[in-house]
Amino acid sequence: MAEVPITIADEARAWLLAGEAALIVRNATRNGCCGGSAGVPVAEPGIPCDIDDYRVIEVDGIAVHLDPGITISKPLTVRLESFLGLRHLFVEGAELASGRD
């Protein structure tokens, strides 16, 4: 099986290691204002409730749980963003996938 092209930025890695040291990368549908939609990879700290459906890989000491519905065609980087003390993860380098087949 080919290696999954995911990297975790140093600040995000340190933040995750201070917690559960686990990460979920899943596909989320985002709807546009004019009726369109796109599949966007999102990253969340933690372990999925339906863990048996996810593939788990280790990236720099972090257990990364990959949603079976996500397709990673280009390298992704998970970064940490903060605003007024609130922190969240985001995925950089992802291509949008149309919600239509």
PDB file of N, CA and C in Angstrom:
ATOM      1  N   MET A   1       0.853  -1.175   0.000  1.00  0.00           N
ATOM      2  CA  MET A   1       0.000   0.000   0.000  1.00  0.00           C
ATOM      3  C   MET A   1       0.896   1.234   0.000  1.00  0.00           C
ATOM      4  N   ALA A   2       0.555   2.212  -0.780  1.00  0.00           N
ATOM      5  CA  ALA A   2       1.358   3.429  -0.892  1.00  0.00           C
ATOM      6  C   ALA A   2       1.267   4.242   0.397  1.00  0.00           C
ATOM      7  N   GLU A   3       2.326   4.963   0.681  1.00  0.00           N
ATOM      8  CA  GLU A   3       2.354   5.808   1.862  1.00  0.00           C
ATOM      9  C   GLU A   3       1.400   6.978   1.674  1.00  0.00           C
ATOM     10  N   VAL A   4       0.660   7.320   2.731  1.00  0.00           N
ATOM     11  CA  VAL A   4      -0.274   8.438   2.675  1.00  0.00           C
ATOM     12  C   VAL A   4       0.511   9.731   2.839  1.00  0.00           C
ATOM     13  N   PRO A   5       0.360  10.670   1.904  1.00  0.00           N
ATOM     14  CA  PRO A   5       1.147  11.907   1.940  1.00  0.00           C
ATOM     15  C   PRO A   5       0.587  12.953   2.906  1.00  0.00           C
ATOM     16  N   ILE A   6       0.780  12.731   4.218  1.00  0.00           N
ATOM     17  CA  ILE A   6       0.315  13.671   5.235  1.00  0.00           C
ATOM     18  C   ILE A   6       1.499  14.064   6.105  1.00  0.00           C
ATOM     19  N   THR A   7       1.637  15.363   6.338  1.00  0.00           N
ATOM     20  CA  THR A   7       2.613  15.839   7.306  1.00  0.00           C
ATOM     21  C   THR A   7       1.871  16.665   8.351  1.00  0.00           C
ATOM     22  N   ILE A   8       2.446  16.708   9.535  1.00  0.00           N
ATOM     23  CA  ILE A   8       1.864  17.487  10.623  1.00  0.00           C
ATOM     24  C   ILE A   8       2.883  18.544  11.017  1.00  0.00           C
ATOM     25  N   ALA A   9       2.499  19.802  10.932  1.00  0.00           N
ATOM     26  CA  ALA A   9       3.391  20.907  11.272  1.00  0.00           C
ATOM     27  C   ALA A   9       3.794  20.807  12.746  1.00  0.00           C
ATOM     28  N   ASP A  10       4.973  21.317  13.060  1.00  0.00           N
ATOM     29  CA  ASP A  10       5.526  21.180  14.410  1.00  0.00           C
ATOM     30  C   ASP A  10       4.594  21.694  15.506  1.00  0.00           C
ATOM     31  N   GLU A  11       4.000  22.862  15.313  1.00  0.00           N
ATOM     32  CA  GLU A  11       3.110  23.426  16.328  1.00  0.00           C
ATOM     33  C   GLU A  11       1.864  22.551  16.524  1.00  0.00           C
ATOM     34  N   ALA A  12       1.312  22.036  15.443  1.00  0.00           N
ATOM     35  CA  ALA A  12       0.150  21.146  15.529  1.00  0.00           C
ATOM     36  C   ALA A  12       0.531  19.839  16.218  1.00  0.00           C
ATOM     37  N   ARG A  13       1.703  19.311  15.882  1.00  0.00           N
ATOM     38  CA  ARG A  13       2.169  18.063  16.491  1.00  0.00           C
ATOM     39  C   ARG A  13       2.324  18.227  18.000  1.00  0.00           C
ATOM     40  N   ALA A  14       2.952  19.307  18.445  1.00  0.00           N
ATOM     41  CA  ALA A  14       3.143  19.552  19.873  1.00  0.00           C
ATOM     42  C   ALA A  14       1.803  19.669  20.593  1.00  0.00           C
ATOM     43  N   TRP A  15       0.841  20.356  19.972  1.00  0.00           N
ATOM     44  CA  TRP A  15      -0.487  20.523  20.567  1.00  0.00           C
ATOM     45  C   TRP A  15      -1.196  19.181  20.688  1.00  0.00           C
ATOM     46  N   LEU A  16      -1.113  18.356  19.639  1.00  0.00           N
ATOM     47  CA  LEU A  16      -1.742  17.037  19.669  1.00  0.00           C
ATOM     48  C   LEU A  16      -1.074  16.118  20.690  1.00  0.00           C
ATOM     49  N   LEU A  17       0.253  16.158  20.785  1.00  0.00           N
ATOM     50  CA  LEU A  17       0.963  15.315  21.744  1.00  0.00           C
ATOM     51  C   LEU A  17       0.652  15.699  23.187  1.00  0.00           C
ATOM     52  N   ALA A  18       0.276  16.946  23.424  1.00  0.00           N
ATOM     53  CA  ALA A  18      -0.103  17.381  24.766  1.00  0.00           C
ATOM     54  C   ALA A  18      -1.489  16.847  25.152  1.00  0.00           C
ATOM     55  N   GLY A  19      -2.236  16.380  24.173  1.00  0.00           N
ATOM     56  CA  GLY A  19      -3.576  15.832  24.416  1.00  0.00           C
ATOM     57  C   GLY A  19      -3.588  14.331  24.202  1.00  0.00           C
ATOM     58  N   GLU A  20      -4.476  13.871  23.329  1.00  0.00           N
ATOM     59  CA  GLU A  20      -4.649  12.438  23.069  1.00  0.00           C
ATOM     60  C   GLU A  20      -3.639  11.859  22.097  1.00  0.00           C
ATOM     61  N   ALA A  21      -2.877  12.695  21.422  1.00  0.00           N
ATOM     62  CA  ALA A  21      -1.937  12.258  20.377  1.00  0.00           C
ATOM     63  C   ALA A  21      -2.666  11.477  19.290  1.00  0.00           C
ATOM     64  N   ALA A  22      -3.894  11.928  18.984  1.00  0.00           N
ATOM     65  CA  ALA A  22      -4.690  11.291  17.939  1.00  0.00           C
ATOM     66  C   ALA A  22      -5.361  12.369  17.095  1.00  0.00           C
ATOM     67  N   LEU A  23      -5.550  12.042  15.839  1.00  0.00           N
ATOM     68  CA  LEU A  23      -6.063  12.994  14.866  1.00  0.00           C
ATOM     69  C   LEU A  23      -7.017  12.275  13.923  1.00  0.00           C
ATOM     70  N   ILE A  24      -8.112  12.938  13.586  1.00  0.00           N
ATOM     71  CA  ILE A  24      -9.062  12.422  12.595  1.00  0.00           C
ATOM     72  C   ILE A  24      -8.946  13.288  11.350  1.00  0.00           C
ATOM     73  N   VAL A  25      -8.773  12.660  10.196  1.00  0.00           N
ATOM     74  CA  VAL A  25      -8.831  13.373   8.915  1.00  0.00           C
ATOM     75  C   VAL A  25     -10.021  12.787   8.178  1.00  0.00           C
ATOM     76  N   ARG A  26     -11.028  13.628   7.950  1.00  0.00           N
ATOM     77  CA  ARG A  26     -12.264  13.149   7.327  1.00  0.00           C
ATOM     78  C   ARG A  26     -12.710  14.100   6.242  1.00  0.00           C
ATOM     79  N   ASN A  27     -13.628  13.632   5.440  1.00  0.00           N
ATOM     80  CA  ASN A  27     -14.206  14.442   4.380  1.00  0.00           C
ATOM     81  C   ASN A  27     -15.441  15.146   4.926  1.00  0.00           C
ATOM     82  N   ALA A  28     -15.557  16.436   4.664  1.00  0.00           N
ATOM     83  CA  ALA A  28     -16.728  17.203   5.077  1.00  0.00           C
ATOM     84  C   ALA A  28     -17.285  17.911   3.854  1.00  0.00           C
ATOM     85  N   THR A  29     -18.580  17.873   3.702  1.00  0.00           N
ATOM     86  CA  THR A  29     -19.225  18.553   2.590  1.00  0.00           C
ATOM     87  C   THR A  29     -19.511  19.989   2.985  1.00  0.00           C
ATOM     88  N   ARG A  30     -19.072  20.904   2.163  1.00  0.00           N
ATOM     89  CA  ARG A  30     -19.334  22.327   2.371  1.00  0.00           C
ATOM     90  C   ARG A  30     -20.238  22.795   1.240  1.00  0.00           C
ATOM     91  N   ASN A  31     -21.336  23.434   1.615  1.00  0.00           N
ATOM     92  CA  ASN A  31     -22.294  23.915   0.637  1.00  0.00           C
ATOM     93  C   ASN A  31     -22.013  25.369   0.294  1.00  0.00           C
ATOM     94  N   GLY A  32     -22.177  25.694  -0.992  1.00  0.00           N
ATOM     95  CA  GLY A  32     -21.976  27.059  -1.450  1.00  0.00           C
ATOM     96  C   GLY A  32     -23.260  27.853  -1.381  1.00  0.00           C
ATOM     97  N   CYS A  33     -23.147  29.127  -1.611  1.00  0.00           N
ATOM     98  CA  CYS A  33     -24.315  30.004  -1.502  1.00  0.00           C
ATOM     99  C   CYS A  33     -25.284  29.835  -2.675  1.00  0.00           C
ATOM    100  N   CYS A  34     -24.826  29.270  -3.779  1.00  0.00           N
ATOM    101  CA  CYS A  34     -25.686  29.153  -4.958  1.00  0.00           C
ATOM    102  C   CYS A  34     -26.068  27.704  -5.238  1.00  0.00           C
ATOM    103  N   GLY A  35     -26.022  26.859  -4.234  1.00  0.00           N
ATOM    104  CA  GLY A  35     -26.486  25.490  -4.390  1.00  0.00           C
ATOM    105  C   GLY A  35     -25.420  24.458  -4.681  1.00  0.00           C
ATOM    106  N   GLY A  36     -24.186  24.854  -4.916  1.00  0.00           N
ATOM    107  CA  GLY A  36     -23.121  23.893  -5.159  1.00  0.00           C
ATOM    108  C   GLY A  36     -22.571  23.335  -3.855  1.00  0.00           C
ATOM    109  N   SER A  37     -21.784  22.282  -3.967  1.00  0.00           N
ATOM    110  CA  SER A  37     -21.142  21.723  -2.790  1.00  0.00           C
ATOM    111  C   SER A  37     -19.762  21.201  -3.168  1.00  0.00           C
ATOM    112  N   ALA A  38     -18.913  21.056  -2.152  1.00  0.00           N
ATOM    113  CA  ALA A  38     -17.568  20.538  -2.371  1.00  0.00           C
ATOM    114  C   ALA A  38     -17.164  19.701  -1.170  1.00  0.00           C
ATOM    115  N   GLY A  39     -16.417  18.643  -1.427  1.00  0.00           N
ATOM    116  CA  GLY A  39     -15.857  17.825  -0.363  1.00  0.00           C
ATOM    117  C   GLY A  39     -14.522  18.415   0.047  1.00  0.00           C
ATOM    118  N   VAL A  40     -14.361  18.676   1.335  1.00  0.00           N
ATOM    119  CA  VAL A  40     -13.152  19.316   1.849  1.00  0.00           C
ATOM    120  C   VAL A  40     -12.588  18.462   2.984  1.00  0.00           C
ATOM    121  N   PRO A  41     -11.308  18.091   2.922  1.00  0.00           N
ATOM    122  CA  PRO A  41     -10.722  17.371   4.048  1.00  0.00           C
ATOM    123  C   PRO A  41     -10.605  18.278   5.271  1.00  0.00           C
ATOM    124  N   VAL A  42     -11.008  17.780   6.429  1.00  0.00           N
ATOM    125  CA  VAL A  42     -10.876  18.516   7.677  1.00  0.00           C
ATOM    126  C   VAL A  42     -10.112  17.657   8.680  1.00  0.00           C
ATOM    127  N   ALA A  43      -9.456  18.310   9.627  1.00  0.00           N
ATOM    128  CA  ALA A  43      -8.703  17.617  10.661  1.00  0.00           C
ATOM    129  C   ALA A  43      -9.271  18.010  12.018  1.00  0.00           C
ATOM    130  N   GLU A  44      -9.428  17.004  12.886  1.00  0.00           N
ATOM    131  CA  GLU A  44      -9.945  17.231  14.230  1.00  0.00           C
ATOM    132  C   GLU A  44      -9.118  16.410  15.199  1.00  0.00           C
ATOM    133  N   PRO A  45      -8.843  16.938  16.389  1.00  0.00           N
ATOM    134  CA  PRO A  45      -8.137  16.129  17.375  1.00  0.00           C
ATOM    135  C   PRO A  45      -9.056  15.042  17.921  1.00  0.00           C
ATOM    136  N   GLY A  46      -8.492  13.906  18.290  1.00  0.00           N
ATOM    137  CA  GLY A  46      -9.275  12.862  18.930  1.00  0.00           C
ATOM    138  C   GLY A  46      -9.348  11.577  18.138  1.00  0.00           C
ATOM    139  N   ILE A  47     -10.233  10.707  18.618  1.00  0.00           N
ATOM    140  CA  ILE A  47     -10.442   9.378  18.048  1.00  0.00           C
ATOM    141  C   ILE A  47     -11.890   9.296  17.588  1.00  0.00           C
ATOM    142  N   PRO A  48     -12.150   8.766  16.378  1.00  0.00           N
ATOM    143  CA  PRO A  48     -13.539   8.694  15.894  1.00  0.00           C
ATOM    144  C   PRO A  48     -14.369   7.697  16.696  1.00  0.00           C
ATOM    145  N   CYS A  49     -15.662   7.966  16.794  1.00  0.00           N
ATOM    146  CA  CYS A  49     -16.573   7.058  17.501  1.00  0.00           C
ATOM    147  C   CYS A  49     -16.658   5.707  16.805  1.00  0.00           C
ATOM    148  N   ASP A  50     -16.678   5.721  15.471  1.00  0.00           N
ATOM    149  CA  ASP A  50     -16.774   4.490  14.685  1.00  0.00           C
ATOM    150  C   ASP A  50     -15.378   4.083  14.204  1.00  0.00           C
ATOM    151  N   ILE A  51     -14.491   3.848  15.138  1.00  0.00           N
ATOM    152  CA  ILE A  51     -13.070   3.637  14.867  1.00  0.00           C
ATOM    153  C   ILE A  51     -12.804   2.467  13.918  1.00  0.00           C
ATOM    154  N   ASP A  52     -13.655   1.455  13.908  1.00  0.00           N
ATOM    155  CA  ASP A  52     -13.431   0.287  13.043  1.00  0.00           C
ATOM    156  C   ASP A  52     -13.518   0.624  11.564  1.00  0.00           C
ATOM    157  N   ASP A  53     -14.182   1.718  11.215  1.00  0.00           N
ATOM    158  CA  ASP A  53     -14.316   2.114   9.817  1.00  0.00           C
ATOM    159  C   ASP A  53     -13.109   2.901   9.302  1.00  0.00           C
ATOM    160  N   TYR A  54     -12.254   3.325  10.180  1.00  0.00           N
ATOM    161  CA  TYR A  54     -11.126   4.188   9.813  1.00  0.00           C
ATOM    162  C   TYR A  54      -9.834   3.393   9.666  1.00  0.00           C
ATOM    163  N   ARG A  55      -8.989   3.858   8.774  1.00  0.00           N
ATOM    164  CA  ARG A  55      -7.639   3.310   8.637  1.00  0.00           C
ATOM    165  C   ARG A  55      -6.733   4.161   9.515  1.00  0.00           C
ATOM    166  N   VAL A  56      -5.851   3.524  10.265  1.00  0.00           N
ATOM    167  CA  VAL A  56      -4.978   4.258  11.180  1.00  0.00           C
ATOM    168  C   VAL A  56      -3.536   4.158  10.691  1.00  0.00           C
ATOM    169  N   ILE A  57      -2.888   5.317  10.596  1.00  0.00           N
ATOM    170  CA  ILE A  57      -1.465   5.359  10.284  1.00  0.00           C
ATOM    171  C   ILE A  57      -0.791   6.201  11.360  1.00  0.00           C
ATOM    172  N   GLU A  58       0.497   6.050  11.515  1.00  0.00           N
ATOM    173  CA  GLU A  58       1.222   6.880  12.466  1.00  0.00           C
ATOM    174  C   GLU A  58       2.064   7.890  11.706  1.00  0.00           C
ATOM    175  N   VAL A  59       1.948   9.150  12.099  1.00  0.00           N
ATOM    176  CA  VAL A  59       2.733  10.224  11.493  1.00  0.00           C
ATOM    177  C   VAL A  59       3.410  10.980  12.642  1.00  0.00           C
ATOM    178  N   ASP A  60       4.700  10.852  12.752  1.00  0.00           N
ATOM    179  CA  ASP A  60       5.477  11.567  13.769  1.00  0.00           C
ATOM    180  C   ASP A  60       4.924  11.389  15.182  1.00  0.00           C
ATOM    181  N   GLY A  61       4.554  10.171  15.548  1.00  0.00           N
ATOM    182  CA  GLY A  61       4.067   9.890  16.892  1.00  0.00           C
ATOM    183  C   GLY A  61       2.596  10.181  17.110  1.00  0.00           C
ATOM    184  N   ILE A  62       1.887  10.584  16.071  1.00  0.00           N
ATOM    185  CA  ILE A  62       0.453  10.877  16.144  1.00  0.00           C
ATOM    186  C   ILE A  62      -0.306   9.774  15.410  1.00  0.00           C
ATOM    187  N   ALA A  63      -1.327   9.210  16.057  1.00  0.00           N
ATOM    188  CA  ALA A  63      -2.194   8.234  15.400  1.00  0.00           C
ATOM    189  C   ALA A  63      -3.188   9.005  14.530  1.00  0.00           C
ATOM    190  N   VAL A  64      -3.068   8.861  13.215  1.00  0.00           N
ATOM    191  CA  VAL A  64      -3.939   9.570  12.274  1.00  0.00           C
ATOM    192  C   VAL A  64      -5.002   8.592  11.786  1.00  0.00           C
ATOM    193  N   HIS A  65      -6.253   8.909  12.066  1.00  0.00           N
ATOM    194  CA  HIS A  65      -7.397   8.085  11.669  1.00  0.00           C
ATOM    195  C   HIS A  65      -7.962   8.661  10.376  1.00  0.00           C
ATOM    196  N   LEU A  66      -7.884   7.880   9.304  1.00  0.00           N
ATOM    197  CA  LEU A  66      -8.325   8.345   7.988  1.00  0.00           C
ATOM    198  C   LEU A  66      -9.720   7.818   7.668  1.00  0.00           C
ATOM    199  N   ASP A  67     -10.605   8.731   7.368  1.00  0.00           N
ATOM    200  CA  ASP A  67     -11.966   8.407   6.953  1.00  0.00           C
ATOM    201  C   ASP A  67     -11.906   7.569   5.676  1.00  0.00           C
ATOM    202  N   PRO A  68     -12.660   6.474   5.607  1.00  0.00           N
ATOM    203  CA  PRO A  68     -12.624   5.657   4.389  1.00  0.00           C
ATOM    204  C   PRO A  68     -13.170   6.386   3.165  1.00  0.00           C
ATOM    205  N   GLY A  69     -13.935   7.447   3.361  1.00  0.00           N
ATOM    206  CA  GLY A  69     -14.509   8.187   2.244  1.00  0.00           C
ATOM    207  C   GLY A  69     -13.615   9.283   1.703  1.00  0.00           C
ATOM    208  N   ILE A  70     -12.434   9.442   2.271  1.00  0.00           N
ATOM    209  CA  ILE A  70     -11.554  10.511   1.826  1.00  0.00           C
ATOM    210  C   ILE A  70     -10.529   9.973   0.837  1.00  0.00           C
ATOM    211  N   THR A  71     -10.289  10.752  -0.207  1.00  0.00           N
ATOM    212  CA  THR A  71      -9.266  10.411  -1.187  1.00  0.00           C
ATOM    213  C   THR A  71      -8.190  11.484  -1.118  1.00  0.00           C
ATOM    214  N   ILE A  72      -6.966  11.059  -0.860  1.00  0.00           N
ATOM    215  CA  ILE A  72      -5.856  11.999  -0.784  1.00  0.00           C
ATOM    216  C   ILE A  72      -5.005  11.804  -2.021  1.00  0.00           C
ATOM    217  N   SER A  73      -5.053  12.798  -2.909  1.00  0.00           N
ATOM    218  CA  SER A  73      -4.322  12.676  -4.166  1.00  0.00           C
ATOM    219  C   SER A  73      -3.036  13.488  -4.180  1.00  0.00           C
ATOM    220  N   LYS A  74      -2.934  14.482  -3.288  1.00  0.00           N
ATOM    221  CA  LYS A  74      -1.748  15.321  -3.192  1.00  0.00           C
ATOM    222  C   LYS A  74      -1.339  15.401  -1.723  1.00  0.00           C
ATOM    223  N   PRO A  75      -0.080  15.712  -1.462  1.00  0.00           N
ATOM    224  CA  PRO A  75       0.356  15.822  -0.068  1.00  0.00           C
ATOM    225  C   PRO A  75      -0.455  16.857   0.715  1.00  0.00           C
ATOM    226  N   LEU A  76      -0.818  16.499   1.939  1.00  0.00           N
ATOM    227  CA  LEU A  76      -1.561  17.395   2.819  1.00  0.00           C
ATOM    228  C   LEU A  76      -0.702  17.736   4.028  1.00  0.00           C
ATOM    229  N   THR A  77      -0.877  18.934   4.551  1.00  0.00           N
ATOM    230  CA  THR A  77      -0.211  19.350   5.779  1.00  0.00           C
ATOM    231  C   THR A  77      -1.278  19.780   6.773  1.00  0.00           C
ATOM    232  N   VAL A  78      -1.220  19.231   7.977  1.00  0.00           N
ATOM    233  CA  VAL A  78      -2.133  19.623   9.041  1.00  0.00           C
ATOM    234  C   VAL A  78      -1.420  20.693   9.860  1.00  0.00           C
ATOM    235  N   ARG A  79      -2.070  21.840   9.993  1.00  0.00           N
ATOM    236  CA  ARG A  79      -1.491  22.972  10.724  1.00  0.00           C
ATOM    237  C   ARG A  79      -2.424  23.387  11.858  1.00  0.00           C
ATOM    238  N   LEU A  80      -1.862  24.119  12.799  1.00  0.00           N
ATOM    239  CA  LEU A  80      -2.629  24.643  13.922  1.00  0.00           C
ATOM    240  C   LEU A  80      -2.810  26.140  13.725  1.00  0.00           C
ATOM    241  N   GLU A  81      -4.031  26.591  13.903  1.00  0.00           N
ATOM    242  CA  GLU A  81      -4.342  28.011  13.796  1.00  0.00           C
ATOM    243  C   GLU A  81      -4.930  28.450  15.132  1.00  0.00           C
ATOM    244  N   SER A  82      -4.630  29.677  15.528  1.00  0.00           N
ATOM    245  CA  SER A  82      -5.200  30.157  16.778  1.00  0.00           C
ATOM    246  C   SER A  82      -5.679  31.589  16.620  1.00  0.00           C
ATOM    247  N   PHE A  83      -6.755  31.896  17.333  1.00  0.00           N
ATOM    248  CA  PHE A  83      -7.344  33.233  17.305  1.00  0.00           C
ATOM    249  C   PHE A  83      -7.931  33.502  18.687  1.00  0.00           C
ATOM    250  N   LEU A  84      -7.458  34.529  19.343  1.00  0.00           N
ATOM    251  CA  LEU A  84      -7.922  34.896  20.687  1.00  0.00           C
ATOM    252  C   LEU A  84      -7.854  33.718  21.672  1.00  0.00           C
ATOM    253  N   GLY A  85      -6.805  32.923  21.557  1.00  0.00           N
ATOM    254  CA  GLY A  85      -6.616  31.797  22.467  1.00  0.00           C
ATOM    255  C   GLY A  85      -7.335  30.521  22.064  1.00  0.00           C
ATOM    256  N   LEU A  86      -8.206  30.587  21.075  1.00  0.00           N
ATOM    257  CA  LEU A  86      -8.896  29.387  20.589  1.00  0.00           C
ATOM    258  C   LEU A  86      -8.043  28.751  19.501  1.00  0.00           C
ATOM    259  N   ARG A  87      -7.897  27.438  19.554  1.00  0.00           N
ATOM    260  CA  ARG A  87      -7.065  26.747  18.572  1.00  0.00           C
ATOM    261  C   ARG A  87      -7.886  25.722  17.806  1.00  0.00           C
ATOM    262  N   HIS A  88      -7.552  25.595  16.539  1.00  0.00           N
ATOM    263  CA  HIS A  88      -8.159  24.533  15.739  1.00  0.00           C
ATOM    264  C   HIS A  88      -7.177  24.112  14.650  1.00  0.00           C
ATOM    265  N   LEU A  89      -7.387  22.910  14.166  1.00  0.00           N
ATOM    266  CA  LEU A  89      -6.547  22.354  13.117  1.00  0.00           C
ATOM    267  C   LEU A  89      -7.158  22.648  11.763  1.00  0.00           C
ATOM    268  N   PHE A  90      -6.314  22.778  10.754  1.00  0.00           N
ATOM    269  CA  PHE A  90      -6.817  22.883   9.392  1.00  0.00           C
ATOM    270  C   PHE A  90      -5.886  22.135   8.459  1.00  0.00           C
ATOM    271  N   VAL A  91      -6.423  21.768   7.318  1.00  0.00           N
ATOM    272  CA  VAL A  91      -5.687  20.992   6.326  1.00  0.00           C
ATOM    273  C   VAL A  91      -5.299  21.914   5.186  1.00  0.00           C
ATOM    274  N   GLU A  92      -4.031  21.921   4.874  1.00  0.00           N
ATOM    275  CA  GLU A  92      -3.503  22.757   3.809  1.00  0.00           C
ATOM    276  C   GLU A  92      -3.067  21.866   2.649  1.00  0.00           C
ATOM    277  N   GLY A  93      -3.286  22.310   1.426  1.00  0.00           N
ATOM    278  CA  GLY A  93      -2.844  21.579   0.249  1.00  0.00           C
ATOM    279  C   GLY A  93      -3.913  20.699  -0.365  1.00  0.00           C
ATOM    280  N   ALA A  94      -5.121  20.745   0.186  1.00  0.00           N
ATOM    281  CA  ALA A  94      -6.199  19.899  -0.304  1.00  0.00           C
ATOM    282  C   ALA A  94      -6.856  20.520  -1.536  1.00  0.00           C
ATOM    283  N   GLU A  95      -7.242  19.659  -2.445  1.00  0.00           N
ATOM    284  CA  GLU A  95      -8.035  20.105  -3.586  1.00  0.00           C
ATOM    285  C   GLU A  95      -9.504  19.907  -3.264  1.00  0.00           C
ATOM    286  N   LEU A  96     -10.324  20.822  -3.707  1.00  0.00           N
ATOM    287  CA  LEU A  96     -11.762  20.660  -3.517  1.00  0.00           C
ATOM    288  C   LEU A  96     -12.282  19.632  -4.512  1.00  0.00           C
ATOM    289  N   ALA A  97     -13.212  18.810  -4.061  1.00  0.00           N
ATOM    290  CA  ALA A  97     -13.833  17.820  -4.936  1.00  0.00           C
ATOM    291  C   ALA A  97     -15.309  18.176  -5.057  1.00  0.00           C
ATOM    292  N   SER A  98     -15.806  18.221  -6.265  1.00  0.00           N
ATOM    293  CA  SER A  98     -17.189  18.562  -6.504  1.00  0.00           C
ATOM    294  C   SER A  98     -18.119  17.578  -5.796  1.00  0.00           C
ATOM    295  N   GLY A  99     -19.249  18.092  -5.318  1.00  0.00           N
ATOM    296  CA  GLY A  99     -20.236  17.243  -4.668  1.00  0.00           C
ATOM    297  C   GLY A  99     -21.040  16.435  -5.670  1.00  0.00           C
ATOM    298  N   ARG A 100     -20.821  16.669  -6.949  1.00  0.00           N
ATOM    299  CA  ARG A 100     -21.545  15.953  -8.008  1.00  0.00           C
ATOM    300  C   ARG A 100     -20.675  14.859  -8.574  1.00  0.00           C
ATOM    301  N   ASP A 101     -21.295  13.783  -8.996  1.00  0.00           N
ATOM    302  CA  ASP A 101     -20.557  12.672  -9.637  1.00  0.00           C
ATOM    303  C   ASP A 101     -20.425  12.900 -11.112  1.00  0.00           C
TER     304      ASP A 101
END
